[in-house]
Amino acid sequence: MSNSHEQPHTHEDNEDPDGWSTWGIGIGSTFLVIATVAISTGIYYQAETSEGLTKHVNIRYEQRNMVMAAQAAVLEESARWVSKENPAAAGTIDRLVIPIDQAMDIVAGNN
């Protein structure tokens, strides 16, 4: 005795799905994907903006200001005053000068 392994098929098994439900699922899935991408993009750019503000705007300039003040003090110590006659104004012009190679060494941090 052998039994047939084929199961009887009903008429509903061979029918195509309803067209409106296919369209509904497709459109709903599209909106879900677009909303997910938009929300993810918003979260990313919010984090990027807050990180940028933290890194670029809220920097403490104490060390930079200390280095600039030290460089200015060294420049003022090594500078000298030079007076020149100004024929147009009938007087003298006083200038604070420093040799360029010495100024470059100070700014570069070699002194």
N, C-alpha and C. Protein backbone atom coordinates (compact mmCIF):
# COMPACT_ATOMS: atom_id res chain seq x y z
N MET A 1 0.82 -1.17 0.00
CA MET A 1 0.00 0.00 0.00
C MET A 1 0.87 1.23 0.00
N SER A 2 0.66 1.96 -0.96
CA SER A 2 1.40 3.21 -1.00
C SER A 2 0.43 4.37 -0.95
N ASN A 3 0.85 5.34 -0.22
CA ASN A 3 0.03 6.56 -0.12
C ASN A 3 0.60 7.61 -1.07
N SER A 4 -0.24 8.39 -1.58
CA SER A 4 0.19 9.48 -2.46
C SER A 4 0.77 10.61 -1.62
N HIS A 5 1.94 11.07 -1.98
CA HIS A 5 2.59 12.16 -1.25
C HIS A 5 2.09 13.53 -1.69
N GLU A 6 1.31 13.58 -2.67
CA GLU A 6 0.77 14.84 -3.12
C GLU A 6 -0.40 15.23 -2.25
N GLN A 7 -0.38 16.50 -1.88
CA GLN A 7 -1.50 17.00 -1.08
C GLN A 7 -2.47 17.69 -2.01
N PRO A 8 -3.70 17.60 -1.70
CA PRO A 8 -4.67 18.24 -2.58
C PRO A 8 -4.56 19.77 -2.49
N HIS A 9 -4.58 20.42 -3.61
CA HIS A 9 -4.50 21.88 -3.66
C HIS A 9 -5.90 22.45 -3.76
N THR A 10 -6.09 23.49 -3.02
CA THR A 10 -7.39 24.15 -3.12
C THR A 10 -7.30 25.26 -4.14
N HIS A 11 -8.41 25.76 -4.49
CA HIS A 11 -8.49 26.81 -5.49
C HIS A 11 -7.83 28.10 -5.00
N GLU A 12 -7.89 28.40 -3.69
CA GLU A 12 -7.34 29.63 -3.15
C GLU A 12 -5.81 29.63 -3.14
N ASP A 13 -5.17 28.48 -3.13
CA ASP A 13 -3.73 28.40 -3.10
C ASP A 13 -3.10 28.88 -4.40
N ASN A 14 -3.80 28.80 -5.48
CA ASN A 14 -3.24 29.17 -6.77
C ASN A 14 -3.55 30.60 -7.17
N GLU A 15 -4.29 31.32 -6.35
CA GLU A 15 -4.68 32.67 -6.70
C GLU A 15 -3.56 33.66 -6.39
N ASP A 16 -3.45 34.71 -7.17
CA ASP A 16 -2.52 35.80 -6.89
C ASP A 16 -3.04 36.61 -5.71
N PRO A 17 -2.12 37.25 -4.95
CA PRO A 17 -2.59 38.08 -3.84
C PRO A 17 -3.35 39.30 -4.36
N ASP A 18 -4.11 39.88 -3.48
CA ASP A 18 -4.91 41.04 -3.83
C ASP A 18 -3.99 42.19 -4.22
N GLY A 19 -4.31 42.88 -5.29
CA GLY A 19 -3.48 43.98 -5.80
C GLY A 19 -3.37 45.15 -4.84
N TRP A 20 -4.48 45.46 -4.17
CA TRP A 20 -4.46 46.61 -3.25
C TRP A 20 -3.58 46.34 -2.03
N SER A 21 -3.55 45.14 -1.55
CA SER A 21 -2.70 44.85 -0.40
C SER A 21 -1.22 44.90 -0.80
N THR A 22 -0.90 44.47 -2.01
CA THR A 22 0.49 44.54 -2.49
C THR A 22 0.93 45.99 -2.59
N TRP A 23 0.07 46.82 -3.18
CA TRP A 23 0.40 48.25 -3.27
C TRP A 23 0.51 48.88 -1.89
N GLY A 24 -0.37 48.55 -0.99
CA GLY A 24 -0.36 49.11 0.36
C GLY A 24 0.91 48.75 1.11
N ILE A 25 1.31 47.49 1.02
CA ILE A 25 2.55 47.06 1.69
C ILE A 25 3.76 47.74 1.06
N GLY A 26 3.79 47.86 -0.24
CA GLY A 26 4.92 48.51 -0.93
C GLY A 26 5.05 49.97 -0.56
N ILE A 27 3.92 50.69 -0.59
CA ILE A 27 3.96 52.12 -0.26
C ILE A 27 4.28 52.33 1.22
N GLY A 28 3.69 51.51 2.09
CA GLY A 28 3.99 51.61 3.52
C GLY A 28 5.45 51.32 3.81
N SER A 29 6.03 50.34 3.15
CA SER A 29 7.44 50.01 3.34
C SER A 29 8.33 51.14 2.84
N THR A 30 7.94 51.77 1.74
CA THR A 30 8.71 52.89 1.22
C THR A 30 8.73 54.05 2.21
N PHE A 31 7.59 54.39 2.74
CA PHE A 31 7.53 55.47 3.75
C PHE A 31 8.34 55.11 4.99
N LEU A 32 8.29 53.86 5.39
CA LEU A 32 9.05 53.43 6.56
C LEU A 32 10.56 53.56 6.32
N VAL A 33 11.02 53.19 5.15
CA VAL A 33 12.45 53.30 4.82
C VAL A 33 12.86 54.78 4.77
N ILE A 34 12.05 55.61 4.12
CA ILE A 34 12.38 57.04 4.01
C ILE A 34 12.41 57.69 5.40
N ALA A 35 11.45 57.36 6.25
CA ALA A 35 11.43 57.91 7.60
C ALA A 35 12.65 57.45 8.41
N THR A 36 13.03 56.20 8.27
CA THR A 36 14.20 55.68 8.99
C THR A 36 15.47 56.39 8.54
N VAL A 37 15.64 56.58 7.25
CA VAL A 37 16.82 57.27 6.73
C VAL A 37 16.83 58.73 7.18
N ALA A 38 15.69 59.40 7.14
CA ALA A 38 15.62 60.80 7.55
C ALA A 38 15.93 60.96 9.03
N ILE A 39 15.40 60.10 9.86
CA ILE A 39 15.66 60.18 11.30
C ILE A 39 17.13 59.88 11.59
N SER A 40 17.68 58.87 10.93
CA SER A 40 19.10 58.54 11.13
C SER A 40 20.00 59.68 10.69
N THR A 41 19.67 60.31 9.57
CA THR A 41 20.45 61.45 9.09
C THR A 41 20.37 62.61 10.07
N GLY A 42 19.20 62.88 10.59
CA GLY A 42 19.05 63.95 11.58
C GLY A 42 19.86 63.70 12.83
N ILE A 43 19.83 62.47 13.31
CA ILE A 43 20.63 62.13 14.50
C ILE A 43 22.12 62.30 14.22
N TYR A 44 22.57 61.87 13.05
CA TYR A 44 23.98 61.98 12.70
C TYR A 44 24.41 63.44 12.64
N TYR A 45 23.65 64.29 11.92
CA TYR A 45 24.06 65.68 11.78
C TYR A 45 23.93 66.45 13.09
N GLN A 46 23.01 66.07 13.96
CA GLN A 46 22.93 66.69 15.28
C GLN A 46 24.18 66.38 16.09
N ALA A 47 24.62 65.12 16.05
CA ALA A 47 25.84 64.73 16.77
C ALA A 47 27.06 65.41 16.16
N GLU A 48 27.11 65.51 14.84
CA GLU A 48 28.23 66.15 14.15
C GLU A 48 28.32 67.64 14.52
N THR A 49 27.18 68.31 14.56
CA THR A 49 27.16 69.73 14.90
C THR A 49 27.59 69.96 16.34
N SER A 50 27.08 69.16 17.25
CA SER A 50 27.45 69.35 18.66
C SER A 50 28.93 69.02 18.86
N GLU A 51 29.45 68.03 18.15
CA GLU A 51 30.87 67.71 18.27
C GLU A 51 31.72 68.82 17.68
N GLY A 52 31.28 69.39 16.55
CA GLY A 52 32.01 70.51 15.94
C GLY A 52 32.05 71.72 16.85
N LEU A 53 30.93 72.02 17.50
CA LEU A 53 30.91 73.15 18.42
C LEU A 53 31.83 72.91 19.61
N THR A 54 31.84 71.69 20.09
CA THR A 54 32.70 71.36 21.23
C THR A 54 34.17 71.48 20.85
N LYS A 55 34.52 71.04 19.66
CA LYS A 55 35.93 71.04 19.26
C LYS A 55 36.41 72.41 18.80
N HIS A 56 35.58 73.17 18.09
CA HIS A 56 36.06 74.40 17.48
C HIS A 56 35.68 75.67 18.23
N VAL A 57 34.57 75.70 18.88
CA VAL A 57 34.13 76.93 19.52
C VAL A 57 34.55 76.99 20.98
N ASN A 58 34.49 75.89 21.68
CA ASN A 58 34.74 75.89 23.10
C ASN A 58 36.19 75.53 23.46
N ILE A 59 37.12 75.85 22.56
CA ILE A 59 38.53 75.57 22.83
C ILE A 59 39.04 76.57 23.85
N ARG A 60 39.85 76.08 24.76
CA ARG A 60 40.46 76.97 25.74
C ARG A 60 41.76 77.50 25.16
N TYR A 61 41.93 78.80 25.21
CA TYR A 61 43.07 79.44 24.58
C TYR A 61 44.15 79.82 25.58
N GLU A 62 44.16 79.24 26.75
CA GLU A 62 45.11 79.62 27.78
C GLU A 62 46.55 79.33 27.35
N GLN A 63 46.79 78.14 26.84
CA GLN A 63 48.15 77.78 26.44
C GLN A 63 48.61 78.65 25.27
N ARG A 64 47.73 78.87 24.30
CA ARG A 64 48.10 79.72 23.17
C ARG A 64 48.42 81.12 23.63
N ASN A 65 47.62 81.67 24.54
CA ASN A 65 47.86 83.02 25.03
C ASN A 65 49.16 83.10 25.83
N MET A 66 49.50 82.05 26.57
CA MET A 66 50.75 82.04 27.32
C MET A 66 51.95 82.04 26.37
N VAL A 67 51.88 81.25 25.31
CA VAL A 67 52.98 81.20 24.34
C VAL A 67 53.13 82.54 23.65
N MET A 68 52.02 83.15 23.25
CA MET A 68 52.09 84.46 22.59
C MET A 68 52.63 85.53 23.52
N ALA A 69 52.26 85.50 24.78
CA ALA A 69 52.78 86.48 25.75
C ALA A 69 54.27 86.29 25.96
N ALA A 70 54.72 85.04 26.04
CA ALA A 70 56.16 84.78 26.20
C ALA A 70 56.93 85.25 24.98
N GLN A 71 56.40 85.00 23.78
CA GLN A 71 57.07 85.47 22.57
C GLN A 71 57.12 87.00 22.52
N ALA A 72 56.03 87.64 22.89
CA ALA A 72 56.01 89.11 22.89
C ALA A 72 57.02 89.67 23.89
N ALA A 73 57.15 89.04 25.06
CA ALA A 73 58.11 89.51 26.05
C ALA A 73 59.53 89.38 25.54
N VAL A 74 59.86 88.26 24.89
CA VAL A 74 61.20 88.08 24.34
C VAL A 74 61.46 89.07 23.23
N LEU A 75 60.47 89.32 22.39
CA LEU A 75 60.64 90.30 21.31
C LEU A 75 60.88 91.70 21.86
N GLU A 76 60.16 92.07 22.91
CA GLU A 76 60.33 93.41 23.49
C GLU A 76 61.69 93.54 24.17
N GLU A 77 62.21 92.47 24.75
CA GLU A 77 63.52 92.52 25.39
C GLU A 77 64.64 92.71 24.38
N SER A 78 64.52 92.09 23.22
CA SER A 78 65.60 92.14 22.24
C SER A 78 65.45 93.28 21.24
N ALA A 79 64.39 94.04 21.30
CA ALA A 79 64.16 95.14 20.35
C ALA A 79 64.88 96.41 20.82
N ARG A 80 65.11 97.31 19.87
CA ARG A 80 65.71 98.61 20.21
C ARG A 80 65.00 99.70 19.43
N TRP A 81 65.07 100.91 19.94
CA TRP A 81 64.42 102.05 19.30
C TRP A 81 65.39 102.69 18.32
N VAL A 82 64.86 103.07 17.16
CA VAL A 82 65.64 103.76 16.13
C VAL A 82 64.89 105.03 15.79
N SER A 83 65.62 106.15 15.78
CA SER A 83 65.02 107.45 15.41
C SER A 83 65.51 107.84 14.04
N LYS A 84 64.60 108.28 13.18
CA LYS A 84 64.95 108.75 11.84
C LYS A 84 64.31 110.11 11.62
N GLU A 85 64.98 110.92 10.85
CA GLU A 85 64.44 112.24 10.49
C GLU A 85 63.35 112.09 9.45
N ASN A 86 62.28 112.83 9.61
CA ASN A 86 61.17 112.82 8.67
C ASN A 86 61.09 114.21 8.05
N PRO A 87 61.59 114.38 6.83
CA PRO A 87 61.58 115.72 6.24
C PRO A 87 60.17 116.22 5.91
N ALA A 88 59.24 115.33 5.64
CA ALA A 88 57.89 115.76 5.29
C ALA A 88 57.18 116.35 6.50
N ALA A 89 57.39 115.80 7.67
CA ALA A 89 56.70 116.27 8.87
C ALA A 89 57.60 117.19 9.71
N ALA A 90 58.82 117.39 9.25
CA ALA A 90 59.79 118.23 9.94
C ALA A 90 59.97 117.76 11.39
N GLY A 91 60.22 116.49 11.56
CA GLY A 91 60.43 115.94 12.89
C GLY A 91 61.13 114.60 12.79
N THR A 92 61.05 113.84 13.84
CA THR A 92 61.68 112.53 13.85
C THR A 92 60.62 111.44 14.00
N ILE A 93 60.97 110.26 13.51
CA ILE A 93 60.10 109.09 13.63
C ILE A 93 60.84 108.07 14.50
N ASP A 94 60.20 107.64 15.56
CA ASP A 94 60.78 106.63 16.44
C ASP A 94 60.14 105.28 16.12
N ARG A 95 61.01 104.28 15.87
CA ARG A 95 60.52 102.94 15.55
C ARG A 95 61.21 101.92 16.43
N LEU A 96 60.45 100.91 16.80
CA LEU A 96 60.98 99.79 17.55
C LEU A 96 61.35 98.70 16.54
N VAL A 97 62.62 98.32 16.47
CA VAL A 97 63.07 97.38 15.45
C VAL A 97 63.76 96.19 16.10
N ILE A 98 63.77 95.09 15.36
CA ILE A 98 64.46 93.86 15.76
C ILE A 98 64.93 93.19 14.49
N PRO A 99 66.13 92.60 14.49
CA PRO A 99 66.59 91.89 13.29
C PRO A 99 65.65 90.73 12.95
N ILE A 100 65.39 90.54 11.66
CA ILE A 100 64.39 89.57 11.23
C ILE A 100 64.79 88.15 11.59
N ASP A 101 66.09 87.80 11.50
CA ASP A 101 66.49 86.44 11.84
C ASP A 101 66.28 86.16 13.32
N GLN A 102 66.51 87.15 14.15
CA GLN A 102 66.29 86.98 15.58
C GLN A 102 64.78 86.86 15.87
N ALA A 103 63.96 87.65 15.21
CA ALA A 103 62.51 87.57 15.40
C ALA A 103 61.97 86.21 14.94
N MET A 104 62.49 85.69 13.83
CA MET A 104 62.04 84.38 13.34
C MET A 104 62.42 83.28 14.32
N ASP A 105 63.61 83.37 14.91
CA ASP A 105 64.01 82.37 15.91
C ASP A 105 63.12 82.41 17.12
N ILE A 106 62.74 83.60 17.56
CA ILE A 106 61.88 83.73 18.74
C ILE A 106 60.50 83.14 18.46
N VAL A 107 59.93 83.49 17.32
CA VAL A 107 58.60 83.00 16.97
C VAL A 107 58.60 81.50 16.75
N ALA A 108 59.67 80.96 16.15
CA ALA A 108 59.77 79.53 15.90
C ALA A 108 60.02 78.74 17.18
N GLY A 109 60.41 79.42 18.24
CA GLY A 109 60.63 78.75 19.51
C GLY A 109 62.04 78.27 19.69
N ASN A 110 62.99 78.78 18.90
CA ASN A 110 64.38 78.37 19.01
C ASN A 110 65.10 79.07 20.16
N ASN A 111 64.56 80.14 20.68
CA ASN A 111 65.21 80.86 21.79
C ASN A 111 64.51 80.57 23.08
